[in-house]
Amino acid sequence: MKIRTIARVIIFILALAAMLTIIVIPAVILLNAFSTSSGTGSGRFKLGSPSDVYYGFYLWLHADQLNTPASEDDTPVTFSVQPGESPSSIGERLEEMGLVPSARLFYAYVRYYGLGSRLEAGDYQLRRNMTIPEIAEALQYGRIKEIEVTIPEGWRMEQTAQYLQQQGIMSADAFLAAARSGVWDDKYEFLKDKPPDASLEGYLFPDTYRLPVPATPEDLITRMLDNFGAKVSPEMRQRAVEMGFTLYEVITLASIVEREAVVPEERSIIAGVYLNRLRKGMYLQADPTVQYAKGYDPATGRWWPSMTIEEMSTVQSPYNTFLHPGLPPGPICSPGLESIKAVLYPTETDYLFFFSRGDGSHIFAKTYEEHLKNQELYGR
């Protein structure tokens, strides 16, 4: 009896060993093969906890599906992972969007390789021709959602604020409040000669910027001032000193040049005209300064409305350079780098006047008599 029992035990053990040889060992070999090819995870089958064995065996059974994209479509698809979102929820939404063939398989992969804590919140560009391992790899590197905003040369501060609000980027009032705050003065050396009560008008460097979503006024203003500091070099600032100007005065004149010059080649000539007039104590008589003083024109919906000579004489403002000699109190817009360079390195001429030809270009004159003839020739 005992011999029969022992024989049965031996036969059972041999049968079990045979099953292990036939099923488990090949499964481990195959699973190691798919693990290594997947590109993510340990690359080896884990004979650890029961859940490791379960998910590992599940992945082995679905190895083909695991490494087969949901489709051949390579169109980028925006996919967002929310803060604190679970792997199972991520998998379900991936399946709903056709990015993975199975939410359960995605979860099994993430669970088996311990990637749950490494999936980062953010915005991603995925494709339906990516495999589950490739998507799991991509979702480990969170991207901050951004928006691109372009501020053109020659815009005044309020114009920029209006645009930012219209685009839904930030509140116009919040942007203006930040730009008028004195908190920036101690952070940037180039603001040291700016009057304490002056805003950042003129220093908000026009360019294209990428901002996080949602963006704050501080996000944009910091980028604009950093850009100004990088573009307006120490050598350029020293040049202003050599010319007998503060940087604030250079930016003020450059902002007028920015609004006057249409043809790039005329920037330095126009700057030279204004510098000549300043040296002679003449009124600048710059149309844009009066337009700035007038501000937004509801009738035309414009920040820089056309004005007649008669209208210009009626605008009472220290910015009106027809009524007040010298430079206006401060910049009237954000000048681009070329306008700043035009003031620092003007074309030396004897010109004291210029008049628009009507096509964006100007005709220049040395005397008032020549200027009057030009006005008759091209009309006012």
Protein backbone atom coordinates (compact mmCIF):
# COMPACT_ATOMS: atom_id res chain seq x y z
CA MET A 1 0.00 0.00 0.00
CA LYS A 2 2.76 2.36 0.94
CA ILE A 3 4.64 1.47 -2.23
CA ARG A 4 1.59 2.37 -4.33
CA THR A 5 1.21 5.71 -2.54
CA ILE A 6 4.85 6.56 -3.07
CA ALA A 7 4.57 5.57 -6.72
CA ARG A 8 1.56 7.85 -7.16
CA VAL A 9 3.42 10.76 -5.57
CA ILE A 10 6.38 10.19 -7.85
CA ILE A 11 4.15 10.02 -10.92
CA PHE A 12 2.40 13.27 -9.84
CA ILE A 13 5.72 15.04 -9.36
CA LEU A 14 6.97 13.84 -12.76
CA ALA A 15 3.74 14.97 -14.39
CA LEU A 16 3.99 18.37 -12.72
CA ALA A 17 7.59 18.73 -13.82
CA ALA A 18 6.59 17.85 -17.35
CA MET A 19 3.90 20.51 -17.29
CA LEU A 20 6.36 23.07 -16.03
CA THR A 21 8.78 22.10 -18.75
CA ILE A 22 6.17 22.22 -21.49
CA ILE A 23 4.26 25.37 -20.39
CA VAL A 24 5.99 27.61 -17.86
CA ILE A 25 9.58 27.50 -19.08
CA PRO A 26 8.67 28.36 -22.71
CA ALA A 27 6.36 31.05 -21.38
CA VAL A 28 9.21 32.60 -19.40
CA ILE A 29 11.48 32.47 -22.44
CA LEU A 30 8.87 34.04 -24.68
CA LEU A 31 8.00 36.68 -22.09
CA ASN A 32 11.67 37.59 -21.74
CA ALA A 33 11.81 38.00 -25.52
CA PHE A 34 8.79 40.35 -25.64
CA SER A 35 10.04 42.23 -22.55
CA THR A 36 13.39 42.94 -24.12
CA SER A 37 11.84 44.07 -27.40
CA SER A 38 9.31 46.34 -25.72
CA GLY A 39 11.96 48.90 -24.81
CA THR A 40 10.49 49.71 -21.38
CA GLY A 41 10.62 47.97 -18.04
CA SER A 42 13.08 45.52 -16.53
CA GLY A 43 13.34 43.33 -19.61
CA ARG A 44 13.02 40.14 -17.52
CA PHE A 45 10.05 38.10 -16.36
CA LYS A 46 9.54 38.56 -12.63
CA LEU A 47 8.71 35.46 -10.61
CA GLY A 48 7.78 37.61 -7.61
CA SER A 49 4.38 38.31 -6.13
CA PRO A 50 1.26 36.56 -7.41
CA SER A 51 0.23 39.82 -9.14
CA ASP A 52 3.59 39.94 -10.93
CA VAL A 53 3.06 36.40 -12.18
CA TYR A 54 -0.53 37.17 -13.19
CA TYR A 55 0.26 40.37 -15.12
CA GLY A 56 3.40 38.89 -16.60
CA PHE A 57 1.52 35.86 -17.90
CA TYR A 58 -1.27 38.14 -19.19
CA LEU A 59 1.27 40.20 -21.12
CA TRP A 60 2.82 37.04 -22.56
CA LEU A 61 -0.57 35.86 -23.77
CA HIS A 62 -1.14 39.23 -25.49
CA ALA A 63 2.43 39.88 -26.67
CA ASP A 64 1.39 40.34 -30.29
CA GLN A 65 -1.31 42.87 -29.40
CA LEU A 66 1.05 44.64 -27.01
CA ASN A 67 3.54 45.37 -29.77
CA THR A 68 1.01 46.11 -32.49
CA PRO A 69 -0.21 49.71 -32.93
CA ALA A 70 -3.92 50.44 -32.73
CA SER A 71 -3.76 51.57 -36.37
CA GLU A 72 -1.38 52.78 -39.07
CA ASP A 73 -2.56 56.39 -38.70
CA ASP A 74 0.44 58.65 -37.95
CA THR A 75 -1.62 61.83 -37.43
CA PRO A 76 -0.55 63.59 -34.19
CA VAL A 77 -3.22 63.38 -31.47
CA THR A 78 -3.19 65.68 -28.46
CA PHE A 79 -3.61 63.72 -25.24
CA SER A 80 -3.65 65.25 -21.76
CA VAL A 81 -2.87 63.48 -18.49
CA GLN A 82 -4.50 65.19 -15.55
CA PRO A 83 -2.70 65.62 -12.20
CA GLY A 84 -3.34 62.59 -10.01
CA GLU A 85 -5.04 60.61 -12.78
CA SER A 86 -4.83 56.82 -12.32
CA PRO A 87 -3.24 54.48 -14.90
CA SER A 88 -6.57 52.71 -15.37
CA SER A 89 -8.30 56.02 -16.20
CA ILE A 90 -5.49 56.94 -18.59
CA GLY A 91 -5.80 53.56 -20.28
CA GLU A 92 -9.56 53.91 -20.69
CA ARG A 93 -9.22 57.31 -22.36
CA LEU A 94 -6.39 56.06 -24.57
CA GLU A 95 -8.65 53.25 -25.78
CA GLU A 96 -11.59 55.64 -26.30
CA MET A 97 -9.39 57.82 -28.51
CA GLY A 98 -8.14 54.82 -30.48
CA LEU A 99 -4.57 55.20 -29.27
CA VAL A 100 -4.26 51.73 -27.73
CA PRO A 101 -6.07 48.51 -28.66
CA SER A 102 -6.95 47.68 -25.05
CA ALA A 103 -7.17 49.73 -21.86
CA ARG A 104 -6.74 46.55 -19.82
CA LEU A 105 -3.56 45.63 -21.67
CA PHE A 106 -2.17 49.15 -21.17
CA TYR A 107 -2.92 48.94 -17.46
CA ALA A 108 -1.33 45.47 -17.23
CA TYR A 109 1.83 46.78 -18.87
CA VAL A 110 2.05 49.82 -16.59
CA ARG A 111 1.25 47.71 -13.51
CA TYR A 112 3.75 44.97 -14.33
CA TYR A 113 6.63 47.37 -14.93
CA GLY A 114 5.77 49.68 -12.01
CA LEU A 115 5.29 52.74 -14.23
CA GLY A 116 2.18 54.09 -12.49
CA SER A 117 4.09 56.68 -10.45
CA ARG A 118 6.16 57.72 -13.48
CA LEU A 119 3.27 58.77 -15.72
CA GLU A 120 3.39 62.56 -15.55
CA ALA A 121 0.60 65.08 -15.89
CA GLY A 122 0.94 67.18 -19.02
CA ASP A 123 -0.01 67.57 -22.66
CA TYR A 124 1.34 65.13 -25.22
CA GLN A 125 1.38 64.60 -28.96
CA LEU A 126 0.74 60.88 -29.52
CA ARG A 127 -0.02 58.86 -32.66
CA ARG A 128 -2.25 55.85 -33.25
CA ASN A 129 0.62 53.98 -34.91
CA MET A 130 2.53 53.88 -31.59
CA THR A 131 2.66 50.66 -29.58
CA ILE A 132 1.63 50.44 -25.94
CA PRO A 133 5.28 50.38 -24.75
CA GLU A 134 6.02 53.47 -26.88
CA ILE A 135 3.01 55.34 -25.47
CA ALA A 136 3.90 54.34 -21.90
CA GLU A 137 7.42 55.65 -22.52
CA ALA A 138 6.13 58.94 -23.96
CA LEU A 139 3.78 59.55 -21.02
CA GLN A 140 6.71 59.59 -18.59
CA TYR A 141 7.87 63.00 -19.78
CA GLY A 142 5.25 65.63 -19.00
CA ARG A 143 4.96 68.68 -21.19
CA ILE A 144 3.56 71.98 -20.03
CA LYS A 145 0.79 73.29 -22.26
CA GLU A 146 1.98 76.48 -23.94
CA ILE A 147 0.64 79.24 -26.12
CA GLU A 148 2.55 81.40 -28.59
CA VAL A 149 1.99 85.14 -28.61
CA THR A 150 3.51 87.72 -30.97
CA ILE A 151 3.79 91.38 -29.97
CA PRO A 152 4.60 93.55 -33.03
CA GLU A 153 7.04 96.43 -33.03
CA GLY A 154 5.43 99.81 -32.50
CA TRP A 155 2.60 98.72 -30.20
CA ARG A 156 1.90 100.80 -27.13
CA MET A 157 1.37 99.11 -23.77
CA GLU A 158 -2.43 99.45 -23.76
CA GLN A 159 -2.58 98.05 -27.27
CA THR A 160 -0.68 94.97 -26.13
CA ALA A 161 -2.94 94.60 -23.10
CA GLN A 162 -6.06 94.81 -25.28
CA TYR A 163 -4.70 92.13 -27.61
CA LEU A 164 -3.82 89.79 -24.75
CA GLN A 165 -7.35 90.02 -23.39
CA GLN A 166 -8.97 89.59 -26.80
CA GLN A 167 -6.94 86.42 -27.30
CA GLY A 168 -8.03 85.10 -23.91
CA ILE A 169 -4.45 84.98 -22.66
CA MET A 170 -4.78 87.27 -19.65
CA SER A 171 -6.67 90.25 -18.27
CA ALA A 172 -5.76 93.60 -19.83
CA ASP A 173 -6.10 95.36 -16.47
CA ALA A 174 -3.85 92.80 -14.77
CA PHE A 175 -1.18 93.18 -17.45
CA LEU A 176 -1.23 96.98 -17.24
CA ALA A 177 -1.13 96.94 -13.44
CA ALA A 178 1.97 94.72 -13.54
CA ALA A 179 3.64 96.86 -16.22
CA ARG A 180 3.01 100.01 -14.20
CA SER A 181 4.33 98.51 -11.00
CA GLY A 182 7.74 99.54 -9.72
CA VAL A 183 8.71 96.00 -8.72
CA TRP A 184 10.79 95.56 -11.87
CA ASP A 185 13.13 98.49 -11.33
CA ASP A 186 15.45 96.71 -8.90
CA LYS A 187 15.50 93.50 -10.92
CA TYR A 188 16.97 94.88 -14.14
CA GLU A 189 20.04 97.09 -14.32
CA PHE A 190 18.92 98.76 -17.56
CA LEU A 191 15.88 100.22 -15.76
CA LYS A 192 18.01 102.21 -13.33
CA ASP A 193 17.67 105.51 -15.25
CA LYS A 194 13.94 105.10 -15.79
CA PRO A 195 11.92 107.60 -13.72
CA PRO A 196 10.54 105.81 -10.63
CA ASP A 197 6.94 106.63 -11.50
CA ALA A 198 7.27 105.64 -15.18
CA SER A 199 5.77 102.44 -16.54
CA LEU A 200 7.59 99.82 -18.63
CA GLU A 201 6.43 101.50 -21.85
CA GLY A 202 9.26 101.10 -24.36
CA TYR A 203 10.97 98.22 -22.54
CA LEU A 204 8.40 95.50 -23.35
CA PHE A 205 10.48 94.11 -26.18
CA PRO A 206 8.39 93.20 -29.25
CA ASP A 207 8.88 89.58 -30.27
CA THR A 208 7.24 86.15 -30.29
CA TYR A 209 6.97 84.46 -26.90
CA ARG A 210 5.86 81.05 -25.66
CA LEU A 211 3.86 81.20 -22.44
CA PRO A 212 2.50 78.53 -20.10
CA VAL A 213 -1.26 78.07 -19.95
CA PRO A 214 -2.64 79.77 -17.99
CA ALA A 215 -0.20 82.67 -18.28
CA THR A 216 0.28 85.51 -15.81
CA PRO A 217 1.39 89.08 -16.58
CA GLU A 218 4.62 88.30 -14.75
CA ASP A 219 5.29 85.38 -17.13
CA LEU A 220 5.15 87.61 -20.19
CA ILE A 221 6.77 90.73 -18.73
CA THR A 222 9.71 88.72 -17.39
CA ARG A 223 10.32 87.25 -20.83
CA MET A 224 10.03 90.67 -22.48
CA LEU A 225 12.47 92.33 -20.10
CA ASP A 226 14.90 89.42 -20.29
CA ASN A 227 14.75 89.74 -24.07
CA PHE A 228 15.35 93.47 -23.91
CA GLY A 229 18.40 92.89 -21.72
CA ALA A 230 19.75 90.31 -24.15
CA LYS A 231 19.13 92.36 -27.31
CA VAL A 232 20.16 95.82 -26.06
CA SER A 233 23.78 94.98 -25.27
CA PRO A 234 26.08 96.65 -22.73
CA GLU A 235 27.96 98.16 -25.69
CA MET A 236 24.76 99.77 -26.93
CA ARG A 237 24.04 101.14 -23.48
CA GLN A 238 27.56 102.57 -23.31
CA ARG A 239 27.01 104.17 -26.70
CA ALA A 240 24.02 106.04 -25.26
CA VAL A 241 26.26 107.45 -22.52
CA GLU A 242 28.84 108.52 -25.11
CA MET A 243 26.11 110.38 -26.98
CA GLY A 244 25.12 112.23 -23.83
CA PHE A 245 21.80 110.41 -23.40
CA THR A 246 20.35 108.08 -20.83
CA LEU A 247 19.09 104.74 -22.10
CA TYR A 248 15.57 105.92 -21.24
CA GLU A 249 15.99 108.91 -23.57
CA VAL A 250 17.32 106.67 -26.35
CA ILE A 251 14.34 104.34 -26.01
CA THR A 252 12.01 107.36 -26.01
CA LEU A 253 13.40 108.66 -29.30
CA ALA A 254 13.58 105.15 -30.77
CA SER A 255 9.88 104.70 -30.06
CA ILE A 256 9.13 107.80 -32.16
CA VAL A 257 11.36 106.53 -34.97
CA GLU A 258 9.54 103.19 -34.80
CA ARG A 259 6.19 104.87 -35.44
CA GLU A 260 7.53 107.21 -38.15
CA ALA A 261 9.69 104.87 -40.23
CA VAL A 262 8.00 102.56 -42.69
CA VAL A 263 10.91 101.96 -45.05
CA PRO A 264 13.68 100.21 -43.07
CA GLU A 265 16.46 102.10 -44.88
CA GLU A 266 15.06 105.42 -43.62
CA ARG A 267 15.22 104.61 -39.90
CA SER A 268 18.70 106.00 -39.29
CA ILE A 269 18.00 109.06 -41.47
CA ILE A 270 14.81 109.88 -39.53
CA ALA A 271 16.68 109.35 -36.26
CA GLY A 272 19.34 111.74 -37.51
CA VAL A 273 16.73 114.39 -38.32
CA TYR A 274 15.30 114.26 -34.81
CA LEU A 275 18.76 114.38 -33.25
CA ASN A 276 19.60 117.43 -35.37
CA ARG A 277 16.41 119.16 -34.21
CA LEU A 278 17.17 118.34 -30.57
CA ARG A 279 20.66 119.82 -30.88
CA LYS A 280 19.20 123.04 -32.31
CA GLY A 281 16.50 123.27 -29.63
CA MET A 282 13.72 122.84 -32.20
CA TYR A 283 10.34 121.25 -31.57
CA LEU A 284 10.33 117.63 -32.73
CA GLN A 285 6.82 118.02 -34.18
CA ALA A 286 6.39 114.23 -34.36
CA ASP A 287 2.87 113.17 -35.29
CA PRO A 288 3.02 109.86 -33.35
CA THR A 289 3.58 111.67 -30.06
CA VAL A 290 0.24 113.46 -30.47
CA GLN A 291 -1.46 110.21 -31.52
CA TYR A 292 -0.09 108.63 -28.35
CA ALA A 293 -1.39 111.50 -26.25
CA LYS A 294 -4.85 111.22 -27.81
CA GLY A 295 -5.00 107.47 -27.20
CA TYR A 296 -7.64 105.07 -28.44
CA ASP A 297 -10.12 106.53 -30.90
CA PRO A 298 -13.52 104.84 -30.49
CA ALA A 299 -14.77 106.36 -33.72
CA THR A 300 -12.15 104.54 -35.81
CA GLY A 301 -11.34 101.71 -33.41
CA ARG A 302 -7.65 102.61 -33.69
CA TRP A 303 -4.87 103.39 -31.25
CA TRP A 304 -3.00 105.52 -33.80
CA PRO A 305 -5.68 107.56 -35.60
CA SER A 306 -4.84 109.91 -38.46
CA MET A 307 -4.89 113.56 -37.42
CA THR A 308 -4.70 116.91 -39.16
CA ILE A 309 -2.27 119.65 -38.18
CA GLU A 310 -5.20 121.62 -36.76
CA GLU A 311 -6.23 118.66 -34.56
CA MET A 312 -2.72 118.18 -33.26
CA SER A 313 -2.55 121.67 -31.86
CA THR A 314 -5.67 120.99 -29.75
CA VAL A 315 -4.31 117.96 -27.84
CA GLN A 316 -3.06 119.28 -24.52
CA SER A 317 -0.43 116.87 -23.26
CA PRO A 318 3.26 116.93 -22.32
CA TYR A 319 3.62 114.23 -25.02
CA ASN A 320 2.53 116.70 -27.71
CA THR A 321 5.86 117.61 -29.33
CA PHE A 322 4.17 120.34 -31.39
CA LEU A 323 3.45 122.21 -28.17
CA HIS A 324 6.44 121.19 -26.03
CA PRO A 325 10.12 121.26 -27.07
CA GLY A 326 12.52 118.38 -26.59
CA LEU A 327 11.68 114.75 -26.02
CA PRO A 328 8.30 113.70 -24.64
CA PRO A 329 8.22 112.46 -21.01
CA GLY A 330 8.82 108.85 -22.08
CA PRO A 331 8.52 106.23 -24.82
CA ILE A 332 5.30 106.06 -26.81
CA CYS A 333 5.56 102.42 -27.89
CA SER A 334 7.83 99.37 -27.89
CA PRO A 335 10.56 100.03 -30.46
CA GLY A 336 12.27 97.18 -32.25
CA LEU A 337 16.02 96.63 -32.15
CA GLU A 338 16.60 98.34 -35.51
CA SER A 339 14.94 101.56 -34.36
CA ILE A 340 17.07 101.56 -31.20
CA LYS A 341 20.19 101.05 -33.30
CA ALA A 342 19.07 103.86 -35.63
CA VAL A 343 19.13 106.31 -32.73
CA LEU A 344 22.46 105.05 -31.43
CA TYR A 345 24.06 104.99 -34.89
CA PRO A 346 22.19 107.62 -36.95
CA THR A 347 22.98 108.70 -40.49
CA GLU A 348 24.81 112.00 -40.31
CA THR A 349 23.04 114.59 -42.48
CA ASP A 350 22.02 118.25 -42.40
CA TYR A 351 18.35 117.35 -42.72
CA LEU A 352 15.92 119.01 -40.32
CA PHE A 353 12.63 118.05 -41.97
CA PHE A 354 10.98 115.10 -43.65
CA PHE A 355 7.61 114.68 -45.31
CA SER A 356 5.66 111.60 -46.34
CA ARG A 357 5.38 110.85 -50.02
CA GLY A 358 2.23 108.86 -49.35
CA ASP A 359 3.74 105.46 -50.12
CA GLY A 360 5.50 104.97 -46.79
CA SER A 361 8.72 106.65 -47.87
CA HIS A 362 9.74 110.22 -47.02
CA ILE A 363 11.38 113.15 -48.73
CA PHE A 364 13.93 115.06 -46.64
CA ALA A 365 14.83 118.75 -46.48
CA LYS A 366 17.54 120.89 -44.92
CA THR A 367 15.54 124.11 -44.73
CA TYR A 368 11.98 125.07 -43.94
CA GLU A 369 11.61 126.53 -47.42
CA GLU A 370 12.53 123.17 -48.98
CA HIS A 371 10.13 121.48 -46.61
CA LEU A 372 7.27 123.74 -47.72
CA LYS A 373 8.00 122.93 -51.34
CA ASN A 374 7.92 119.23 -50.54
CA GLN A 375 4.54 119.68 -48.89
CA GLU A 376 3.22 121.43 -51.98
CA LEU A 377 4.65 118.69 -54.18
CA TYR A 378 3.22 115.74 -52.25
CA GLY A 379 0.22 117.44 -50.60
CA ARG A 380 -0.71 117.51 -46.95
